[in-house]
C-alpha atoms as a PDB file:
ATOM      1  CA  UNK A   1      66.042 164.580-194.213  1.00  0.00           C
ATOM      2  CA  UNK A   2      66.658 168.298-194.468  1.00  0.00           C
ATOM      3  CA  UNK A   3      64.935 171.237-196.091  1.00  0.00           C
ATOM      4  CA  UNK A   4      66.781 173.969-197.990  1.00  0.00           C
ATOM      5  CA  UNK A   5      65.369 177.485-197.991  1.00  0.00           C
ATOM      6  CA  UNK A   6      66.680 180.501-199.927  1.00  0.00           C
ATOM      7  CA  UNK A   7      66.779 183.567-197.693  1.00  0.00           C
ATOM      8  CA  UNK A   8      67.343 187.167-198.761  1.00  0.00           C
ATOM      9  CA  UNK A   9      69.416 188.961-196.127  1.00  0.00           C
ATOM     10  CA  UNK A  10      67.706 192.279-196.849  1.00  0.00           C
ATOM     11  CA  UNK A  11      64.516 190.672-195.496  1.00  0.00           C
ATOM     12  CA  UNK A  12      66.047 188.214-193.026  1.00  0.00           C
ATOM     13  CA  UNK A  13      69.146 189.818-191.452  1.00  0.00           C
ATOM     14  CA  UNK A  14      71.944 187.354-190.733  1.00  0.00           C
ATOM     15  CA  UNK A  15      71.839 188.318-187.053  1.00  0.00           C
ATOM     16  CA  UNK A  16      68.189 187.179-186.895  1.00  0.00           C
ATOM     17  CA  UNK A  17      68.891 183.953-188.779  1.00  0.00           C
ATOM     18  CA  UNK A  18      71.653 183.063-186.331  1.00  0.00           C
ATOM     19  CA  UNK A  19      69.502 183.961-183.316  1.00  0.00           C
ATOM     20  CA  UNK A  20      66.665 181.763-184.580  1.00  0.00           C
ATOM     21  CA  UNK A  21      69.186 178.957-185.059  1.00  0.00           C
ATOM     22  CA  UNK A  22      70.278 179.252-181.425  1.00  0.00           C
ATOM     23  CA  UNK A  23      66.710 179.338-180.114  1.00  0.00           C
ATOM     24  CA  UNK A  24      65.735 176.288-182.194  1.00  0.00           C
ATOM     25  CA  UNK A  25      68.995 174.390-181.647  1.00  0.00           C
ATOM     26  CA  UNK A  26      67.254 171.666-179.628  1.00  0.00           C
ATOM     27  CA  UNK A  27      64.719 171.075-182.400  1.00  0.00           C
ATOM     28  CA  UNK A  28      66.802 171.442-185.540  1.00  0.00           C
ATOM     29  CA  UNK A  29      70.261 172.020-186.913  1.00  0.00           C
ATOM     30  CA  UNK A  30      70.959 174.956-189.191  1.00  0.00           C
ATOM     31  CA  UNK A  31      73.642 175.168-191.874  1.00  0.00           C
ATOM     32  CA  UNK A  32      74.142 178.384-193.844  1.00  0.00           C
ATOM     33  CA  UNK A  33      75.842 178.886-197.212  1.00  0.00           C
ATOM     34  CA  UNK A  34      76.066 182.200-199.050  1.00  0.00           C
ATOM     35  CA  UNK A  35      74.724 182.183-202.613  1.00  0.00           C
ATOM     36  CA  UNK A  36      75.171 185.827-203.505  1.00  0.00           C
ATOM     37  CA  UNK A  37      76.198 188.975-201.682  1.00  0.00           C
ATOM     38  CA  UNK A  38      72.744 189.315-200.083  1.00  0.00           C
ATOM     39  CA  UNK A  39      71.258 185.823-200.147  1.00  0.00           C
ATOM     40  CA  UNK A  40      72.013 182.483-198.624  1.00  0.00           C
ATOM     41  CA  UNK A  41      70.731 178.946-198.426  1.00  0.00           C
ATOM     42  CA  UNK A  42      69.628 177.739-195.019  1.00  0.00           C
ATOM     43  CA  UNK A  43      69.581 173.973-194.603  1.00  0.00           C
ATOM     44  CA  UNK A  44      67.301 173.034-191.727  1.00  0.00           C
ATOM     45  CA  UNK A  45      67.338 169.484-190.362  1.00  0.00           C
ATOM     46  CA  UNK A  46      64.895 168.339-187.699  1.00  0.00           C
ATOM     47  CA  UNK A  47      66.574 166.688-184.704  1.00  0.00           C
ATOM     48  CA  UNK A  48      63.421 165.191-183.233  1.00  0.00           C
ATOM     49  CA  UNK A  49      60.797 162.691-184.191  1.00  0.00           C
ATOM     50  CA  UNK A  50      58.413 165.597-184.714  1.00  0.00           C
ATOM     51  CA  UNK A  51      57.108 166.291-188.194  1.00  0.00           C
ATOM     52  CA  UNK A  52      59.964 167.981-190.053  1.00  0.00           C
ATOM     53  CA  UNK A  53      57.632 170.309-191.924  1.00  0.00           C
ATOM     54  CA  UNK A  54      56.192 171.536-188.612  1.00  0.00           C
ATOM     55  CA  UNK A  55      59.665 172.197-187.183  1.00  0.00           C
ATOM     56  CA  UNK A  56      60.757 174.069-190.329  1.00  0.00           C
ATOM     57  CA  UNK A  57      57.552 176.126-190.452  1.00  0.00           C
ATOM     58  CA  UNK A  58      57.839 177.072-186.777  1.00  0.00           C
ATOM     59  CA  UNK A  59      61.504 178.023-187.270  1.00  0.00           C
ATOM     60  CA  UNK A  60      60.610 180.211-190.264  1.00  0.00           C
ATOM     61  CA  UNK A  61      57.720 181.867-188.402  1.00  0.00           C
ATOM     62  CA  UNK A  62      60.049 182.677-185.520  1.00  0.00           C
ATOM     63  CA  UNK A  63      62.666 184.016-187.959  1.00  0.00           C
ATOM     64  CA  UNK A  64      60.060 186.179-189.680  1.00  0.00           C
ATOM     65  CA  UNK A  65      58.982 187.641-186.336  1.00  0.00           C
ATOM     66  CA  UNK A  66      62.574 188.426-185.328  1.00  0.00           C
ATOM     67  CA  UNK A  67      63.242 190.046-188.694  1.00  0.00           C
ATOM     68  CA  UNK A  68      60.081 192.130-188.576  1.00  0.00           C
ATOM     69  CA  UNK A  69      60.919 193.370-185.086  1.00  0.00           C
ATOM     70  CA  UNK A  70      64.430 194.347-186.233  1.00  0.00           C
ATOM     71  CA  UNK A  71      63.094 196.239-189.266  1.00  0.00           C
ATOM     72  CA  UNK A  72      60.480 198.042-187.157  1.00  0.00           C
ATOM     73  CA  UNK A  73      63.129 199.110-184.643  1.00  0.00           C
ATOM     74  CA  UNK A  74      65.175 200.596-187.475  1.00  0.00           C
ATOM     75  CA  UNK A  75      62.357 202.904-188.554  1.00  0.00           C
END
């Protein structure tokens, strides 16, 4: 089972989304599809027997941290 999340690239830069996907590649797979010019759908599928919601939440927390660091560096 997978979870689909809408992500706004002005908040979550594509570079950060891809980096989080690499870091979490042993725990989940990540598929991205653009919806609009600045938003996309991320489909996250757990690869382990771990609770899928936990894996998705940890992925999103990591992504949020990466994105925040990138925005803070830009200021």
